[in-house]
Amino acid sequence: MDSISVNQFRDNLKTYVEQTVSQHEPIKVTRRAGDDFIIMSADDWEREQETLHVLQSSNLMKQISESMATHQKNTGYKPTQEQLNEITSF
């Protein structure tokens, strides 16, 4: 993660915003007198929130763990060819 001063950020706002959105990399903005802050795209922030939601849900984490176990043992659900065609056809 790049780290820049608040003055650099202010002077090049458009460039840093475009960089953050296009490269999906947050930027840490440092301030001399105060807390630092992070700039990130809204899409990336929403993705982070979804990830945190899953990680904080014991039920979802249990489902993921069980799915990984059946996948590794190759004993998970196997859809029929007809079901696959229905899923993948547009």
N, C-alpha and C. Protein backbone atom coordinates (compact mmCIF):
# COMPACT_ATOMS: atom_id res chain seq x y z
N MET A 1 0.85 -1.17 0.00
CA MET A 1 0.00 0.00 0.00
C MET A 1 0.89 1.23 0.00
N ASP A 2 0.63 2.12 -0.95
CA ASP A 2 1.36 3.38 -1.01
C ASP A 2 0.95 4.27 0.15
N SER A 3 1.88 5.08 0.59
CA SER A 3 1.62 6.03 1.66
C SER A 3 2.05 7.41 1.18
N ILE A 4 1.14 8.38 1.28
CA ILE A 4 1.43 9.74 0.83
C ILE A 4 0.97 10.74 1.88
N SER A 5 1.49 11.94 1.78
CA SER A 5 1.06 12.98 2.72
C SER A 5 -0.29 13.54 2.28
N VAL A 6 -0.98 14.15 3.22
CA VAL A 6 -2.28 14.75 2.91
C VAL A 6 -2.10 15.87 1.88
N ASN A 7 -0.96 16.56 1.92
CA ASN A 7 -0.70 17.62 0.94
C ASN A 7 -0.55 17.05 -0.46
N GLN A 8 0.19 15.94 -0.59
CA GLN A 8 0.33 15.28 -1.89
C GLN A 8 -1.03 14.82 -2.40
N PHE A 9 -1.82 14.25 -1.50
CA PHE A 9 -3.14 13.77 -1.88
C PHE A 9 -4.01 14.93 -2.38
N ARG A 10 -4.03 16.00 -1.64
CA ARG A 10 -4.85 17.16 -2.01
C ARG A 10 -4.39 17.75 -3.35
N ASP A 11 -3.08 17.85 -3.55
CA ASP A 11 -2.56 18.46 -4.77
C ASP A 11 -2.80 17.59 -6.01
N ASN A 12 -2.93 16.29 -5.82
CA ASN A 12 -3.09 15.36 -6.95
C ASN A 12 -4.33 14.48 -6.76
N LEU A 13 -5.39 15.06 -6.25
CA LEU A 13 -6.59 14.31 -5.89
C LEU A 13 -7.11 13.44 -7.04
N LYS A 14 -7.30 14.03 -8.19
CA LYS A 14 -7.86 13.29 -9.31
C LYS A 14 -6.98 12.10 -9.68
N THR A 15 -5.69 12.29 -9.74
CA THR A 15 -4.75 11.22 -10.09
C THR A 15 -4.82 10.09 -9.10
N TYR A 16 -4.82 10.40 -7.81
CA TYR A 16 -4.85 9.36 -6.78
C TYR A 16 -6.19 8.63 -6.75
N VAL A 17 -7.28 9.34 -6.98
CA VAL A 17 -8.58 8.69 -7.03
C VAL A 17 -8.63 7.72 -8.21
N GLU A 18 -8.19 8.16 -9.37
CA GLU A 18 -8.17 7.29 -10.56
C GLU A 18 -7.29 6.07 -10.32
N GLN A 19 -6.13 6.27 -9.70
CA GLN A 19 -5.21 5.17 -9.41
C GLN A 19 -5.86 4.16 -8.46
N THR A 20 -6.52 4.66 -7.44
CA THR A 20 -7.16 3.79 -6.46
C THR A 20 -8.28 2.96 -7.08
N VAL A 21 -9.08 3.58 -7.92
CA VAL A 21 -10.20 2.88 -8.55
C VAL A 21 -9.71 1.90 -9.61
N SER A 22 -8.77 2.31 -10.45
CA SER A 22 -8.34 1.45 -11.56
C SER A 22 -7.44 0.31 -11.12
N GLN A 23 -6.60 0.53 -10.12
CA GLN A 23 -5.64 -0.50 -9.68
C GLN A 23 -6.14 -1.31 -8.49
N HIS A 24 -7.26 -0.92 -7.92
CA HIS A 24 -7.83 -1.61 -6.76
C HIS A 24 -6.81 -1.75 -5.63
N GLU A 25 -6.04 -0.68 -5.43
CA GLU A 25 -5.07 -0.63 -4.34
C GLU A 25 -5.39 0.56 -3.46
N PRO A 26 -5.58 0.33 -2.16
CA PRO A 26 -5.83 1.47 -1.27
C PRO A 26 -4.58 2.33 -1.11
N ILE A 27 -4.78 3.55 -0.72
CA ILE A 27 -3.69 4.49 -0.46
C ILE A 27 -3.82 5.00 0.97
N LYS A 28 -2.73 4.96 1.71
CA LYS A 28 -2.72 5.50 3.07
C LYS A 28 -2.29 6.96 2.99
N VAL A 29 -3.12 7.83 3.56
CA VAL A 29 -2.82 9.26 3.58
C VAL A 29 -2.43 9.64 4.99
N THR A 30 -1.22 10.20 5.13
CA THR A 30 -0.70 10.54 6.45
C THR A 30 -0.88 12.03 6.73
N ARG A 31 -1.15 12.30 7.98
CA ARG A 31 -1.31 13.68 8.42
C ARG A 31 -0.32 13.96 9.53
N ARG A 32 0.21 15.15 9.54
CA ARG A 32 1.18 15.52 10.57
C ARG A 32 0.55 15.56 11.96
N ALA A 33 -0.62 16.18 12.04
CA ALA A 33 -1.28 16.34 13.33
C ALA A 33 -2.64 15.64 13.29
N GLY A 34 -2.60 14.34 13.44
CA GLY A 34 -3.87 13.63 13.43
C GLY A 34 -3.69 12.21 12.91
N ASP A 35 -4.79 11.50 12.92
CA ASP A 35 -4.75 10.11 12.47
C ASP A 35 -4.64 10.03 10.96
N ASP A 36 -3.97 8.97 10.49
CA ASP A 36 -3.90 8.69 9.07
C ASP A 36 -5.25 8.14 8.61
N PHE A 37 -5.48 8.13 7.31
CA PHE A 37 -6.70 7.54 6.78
C PHE A 37 -6.40 6.82 5.48
N ILE A 38 -7.33 5.98 5.07
CA ILE A 38 -7.16 5.14 3.89
C ILE A 38 -8.17 5.56 2.82
N ILE A 39 -7.71 5.62 1.58
CA ILE A 39 -8.56 5.88 0.44
C ILE A 39 -8.68 4.57 -0.34
N MET A 40 -9.92 4.13 -0.59
CA MET A 40 -10.13 2.93 -1.40
C MET A 40 -11.41 3.09 -2.19
N SER A 41 -11.54 2.33 -3.27
CA SER A 41 -12.74 2.42 -4.09
C SER A 41 -13.93 1.86 -3.34
N ALA A 42 -15.12 2.30 -3.71
CA ALA A 42 -16.34 1.82 -3.07
C ALA A 42 -16.52 0.33 -3.32
N ASP A 43 -16.20 -0.14 -4.54
CA ASP A 43 -16.31 -1.57 -4.85
C ASP A 43 -15.42 -2.40 -3.93
N ASP A 44 -14.18 -1.94 -3.74
CA ASP A 44 -13.26 -2.67 -2.88
C ASP A 44 -13.74 -2.66 -1.43
N TRP A 45 -14.28 -1.54 -0.98
CA TRP A 45 -14.78 -1.44 0.38
C TRP A 45 -15.95 -2.40 0.60
N GLU A 46 -16.87 -2.45 -0.38
CA GLU A 46 -18.00 -3.36 -0.27
C GLU A 46 -17.54 -4.82 -0.24
N ARG A 47 -16.54 -5.14 -1.05
CA ARG A 47 -15.99 -6.49 -1.06
C ARG A 47 -15.38 -6.84 0.30
N GLU A 48 -14.68 -5.89 0.88
CA GLU A 48 -14.09 -6.09 2.21
C GLU A 48 -15.18 -6.32 3.25
N GLN A 49 -16.26 -5.56 3.16
CA GLN A 49 -17.35 -5.71 4.12
C GLN A 49 -18.01 -7.09 4.00
N GLU A 50 -18.18 -7.56 2.76
CA GLU A 50 -18.75 -8.89 2.54
C GLU A 50 -17.85 -9.97 3.13
N THR A 51 -16.55 -9.81 2.93
CA THR A 51 -15.58 -10.78 3.47
C THR A 51 -15.64 -10.79 4.99
N LEU A 52 -15.69 -9.63 5.59
CA LEU A 52 -15.78 -9.55 7.05
C LEU A 52 -17.06 -10.20 7.56
N HIS A 53 -18.15 -9.99 6.84
CA HIS A 53 -19.43 -10.60 7.23
C HIS A 53 -19.31 -12.12 7.24
N VAL A 54 -18.73 -12.67 6.18
CA VAL A 54 -18.57 -14.13 6.10
C VAL A 54 -17.66 -14.63 7.22
N LEU A 55 -16.54 -13.97 7.43
CA LEU A 55 -15.59 -14.40 8.46
C LEU A 55 -16.17 -14.32 9.86
N GLN A 56 -17.09 -13.40 10.09
CA GLN A 56 -17.68 -13.24 11.42
C GLN A 56 -18.89 -14.15 11.64
N SER A 57 -19.34 -14.83 10.61
CA SER A 57 -20.51 -15.70 10.73
C SER A 57 -20.05 -17.15 10.93
N SER A 58 -20.29 -17.66 12.12
CA SER A 58 -19.86 -19.04 12.40
C SER A 58 -20.60 -20.05 11.51
N ASN A 59 -21.86 -19.77 11.19
CA ASN A 59 -22.62 -20.68 10.31
C ASN A 59 -22.03 -20.72 8.91
N LEU A 60 -21.70 -19.57 8.35
CA LEU A 60 -21.11 -19.54 7.02
C LEU A 60 -19.73 -20.19 7.01
N MET A 61 -18.94 -19.94 8.04
CA MET A 61 -17.60 -20.54 8.10
C MET A 61 -17.70 -22.06 8.24
N LYS A 62 -18.71 -22.54 8.95
CA LYS A 62 -18.93 -23.98 9.08
C LYS A 62 -19.29 -24.58 7.72
N GLN A 63 -20.18 -23.91 6.99
CA GLN A 63 -20.56 -24.38 5.66
C GLN A 63 -19.36 -24.43 4.72
N ILE A 64 -18.52 -23.42 4.77
CA ILE A 64 -17.32 -23.38 3.93
C ILE A 64 -16.39 -24.53 4.29
N SER A 65 -16.20 -24.75 5.58
CA SER A 65 -15.34 -25.83 6.05
C SER A 65 -15.86 -27.19 5.60
N GLU A 66 -17.16 -27.40 5.74
CA GLU A 66 -17.76 -28.67 5.31
C GLU A 66 -17.64 -28.84 3.80
N SER A 67 -17.83 -27.78 3.06
CA SER A 67 -17.70 -27.85 1.59
C SER A 67 -16.27 -28.17 1.18
N MET A 68 -15.31 -27.57 1.86
CA MET A 68 -13.90 -27.87 1.55
C MET A 68 -13.59 -29.34 1.83
N ALA A 69 -14.12 -29.86 2.92
CA ALA A 69 -13.86 -31.26 3.28
C ALA A 69 -14.44 -32.20 2.22
N THR A 70 -15.67 -31.95 1.78
CA THR A 70 -16.26 -32.83 0.76
C THR A 70 -15.55 -32.65 -0.58
N HIS A 71 -15.11 -31.46 -0.87
CA HIS A 71 -14.38 -31.21 -2.12
C HIS A 71 -13.05 -31.97 -2.12
N GLN A 72 -12.33 -31.90 -1.02
CA GLN A 72 -11.04 -32.58 -0.94
C GLN A 72 -11.19 -34.10 -1.02
N LYS A 73 -12.29 -34.61 -0.53
CA LYS A 73 -12.54 -36.06 -0.58
C LYS A 73 -13.25 -36.46 -1.87
N ASN A 74 -13.60 -35.46 -2.69
CA ASN A 74 -14.33 -35.68 -3.93
C ASN A 74 -15.66 -36.39 -3.68
N THR A 75 -16.32 -36.00 -2.58
CA THR A 75 -17.62 -36.59 -2.23
C THR A 75 -18.74 -35.57 -2.24
N GLY A 76 -18.47 -34.41 -2.78
CA GLY A 76 -19.48 -33.36 -2.78
C GLY A 76 -20.56 -33.59 -3.82
N TYR A 77 -21.52 -32.70 -3.84
CA TYR A 77 -22.64 -32.77 -4.77
C TYR A 77 -22.12 -32.65 -6.20
N LYS A 78 -22.61 -33.49 -7.07
CA LYS A 78 -22.24 -33.44 -8.48
C LYS A 78 -23.51 -33.27 -9.30
N PRO A 79 -23.67 -32.10 -9.92
CA PRO A 79 -24.87 -31.87 -10.73
C PRO A 79 -24.84 -32.74 -12.00
N THR A 80 -26.02 -33.02 -12.50
CA THR A 80 -26.12 -33.78 -13.75
C THR A 80 -25.73 -32.87 -14.91
N GLN A 81 -25.49 -33.47 -16.06
CA GLN A 81 -25.16 -32.68 -17.24
C GLN A 81 -26.29 -31.72 -17.58
N GLU A 82 -27.51 -32.16 -17.41
CA GLU A 82 -28.66 -31.31 -17.68
C GLU A 82 -28.66 -30.09 -16.74
N GLN A 83 -28.36 -30.31 -15.48
CA GLN A 83 -28.30 -29.20 -14.52
C GLN A 83 -27.16 -28.24 -14.88
N LEU A 84 -26.02 -28.78 -15.27
CA LEU A 84 -24.89 -27.93 -15.67
C LEU A 84 -25.27 -27.09 -16.89
N ASN A 85 -25.94 -27.71 -17.85
CA ASN A 85 -26.36 -26.97 -19.05
C ASN A 85 -27.32 -25.84 -18.68
N GLU A 86 -28.21 -26.11 -17.73
CA GLU A 86 -29.16 -25.08 -17.30
C GLU A 86 -28.44 -23.94 -16.60
N ILE A 87 -27.46 -24.27 -15.81
CA ILE A 87 -26.71 -23.25 -15.06
C ILE A 87 -25.87 -22.39 -16.01
N THR A 88 -25.23 -23.02 -16.98
CA THR A 88 -24.28 -22.31 -17.83
C THR A 88 -24.88 -21.71 -19.09
N SER A 89 -26.11 -22.06 -19.42
CA SER A 89 -26.70 -21.49 -20.64
C SER A 89 -27.28 -20.12 -20.35
N PHE A 90 -27.18 -19.26 -21.32
CA PHE A 90 -27.67 -17.89 -21.14
C PHE A 90 -28.86 -17.68 -21.99
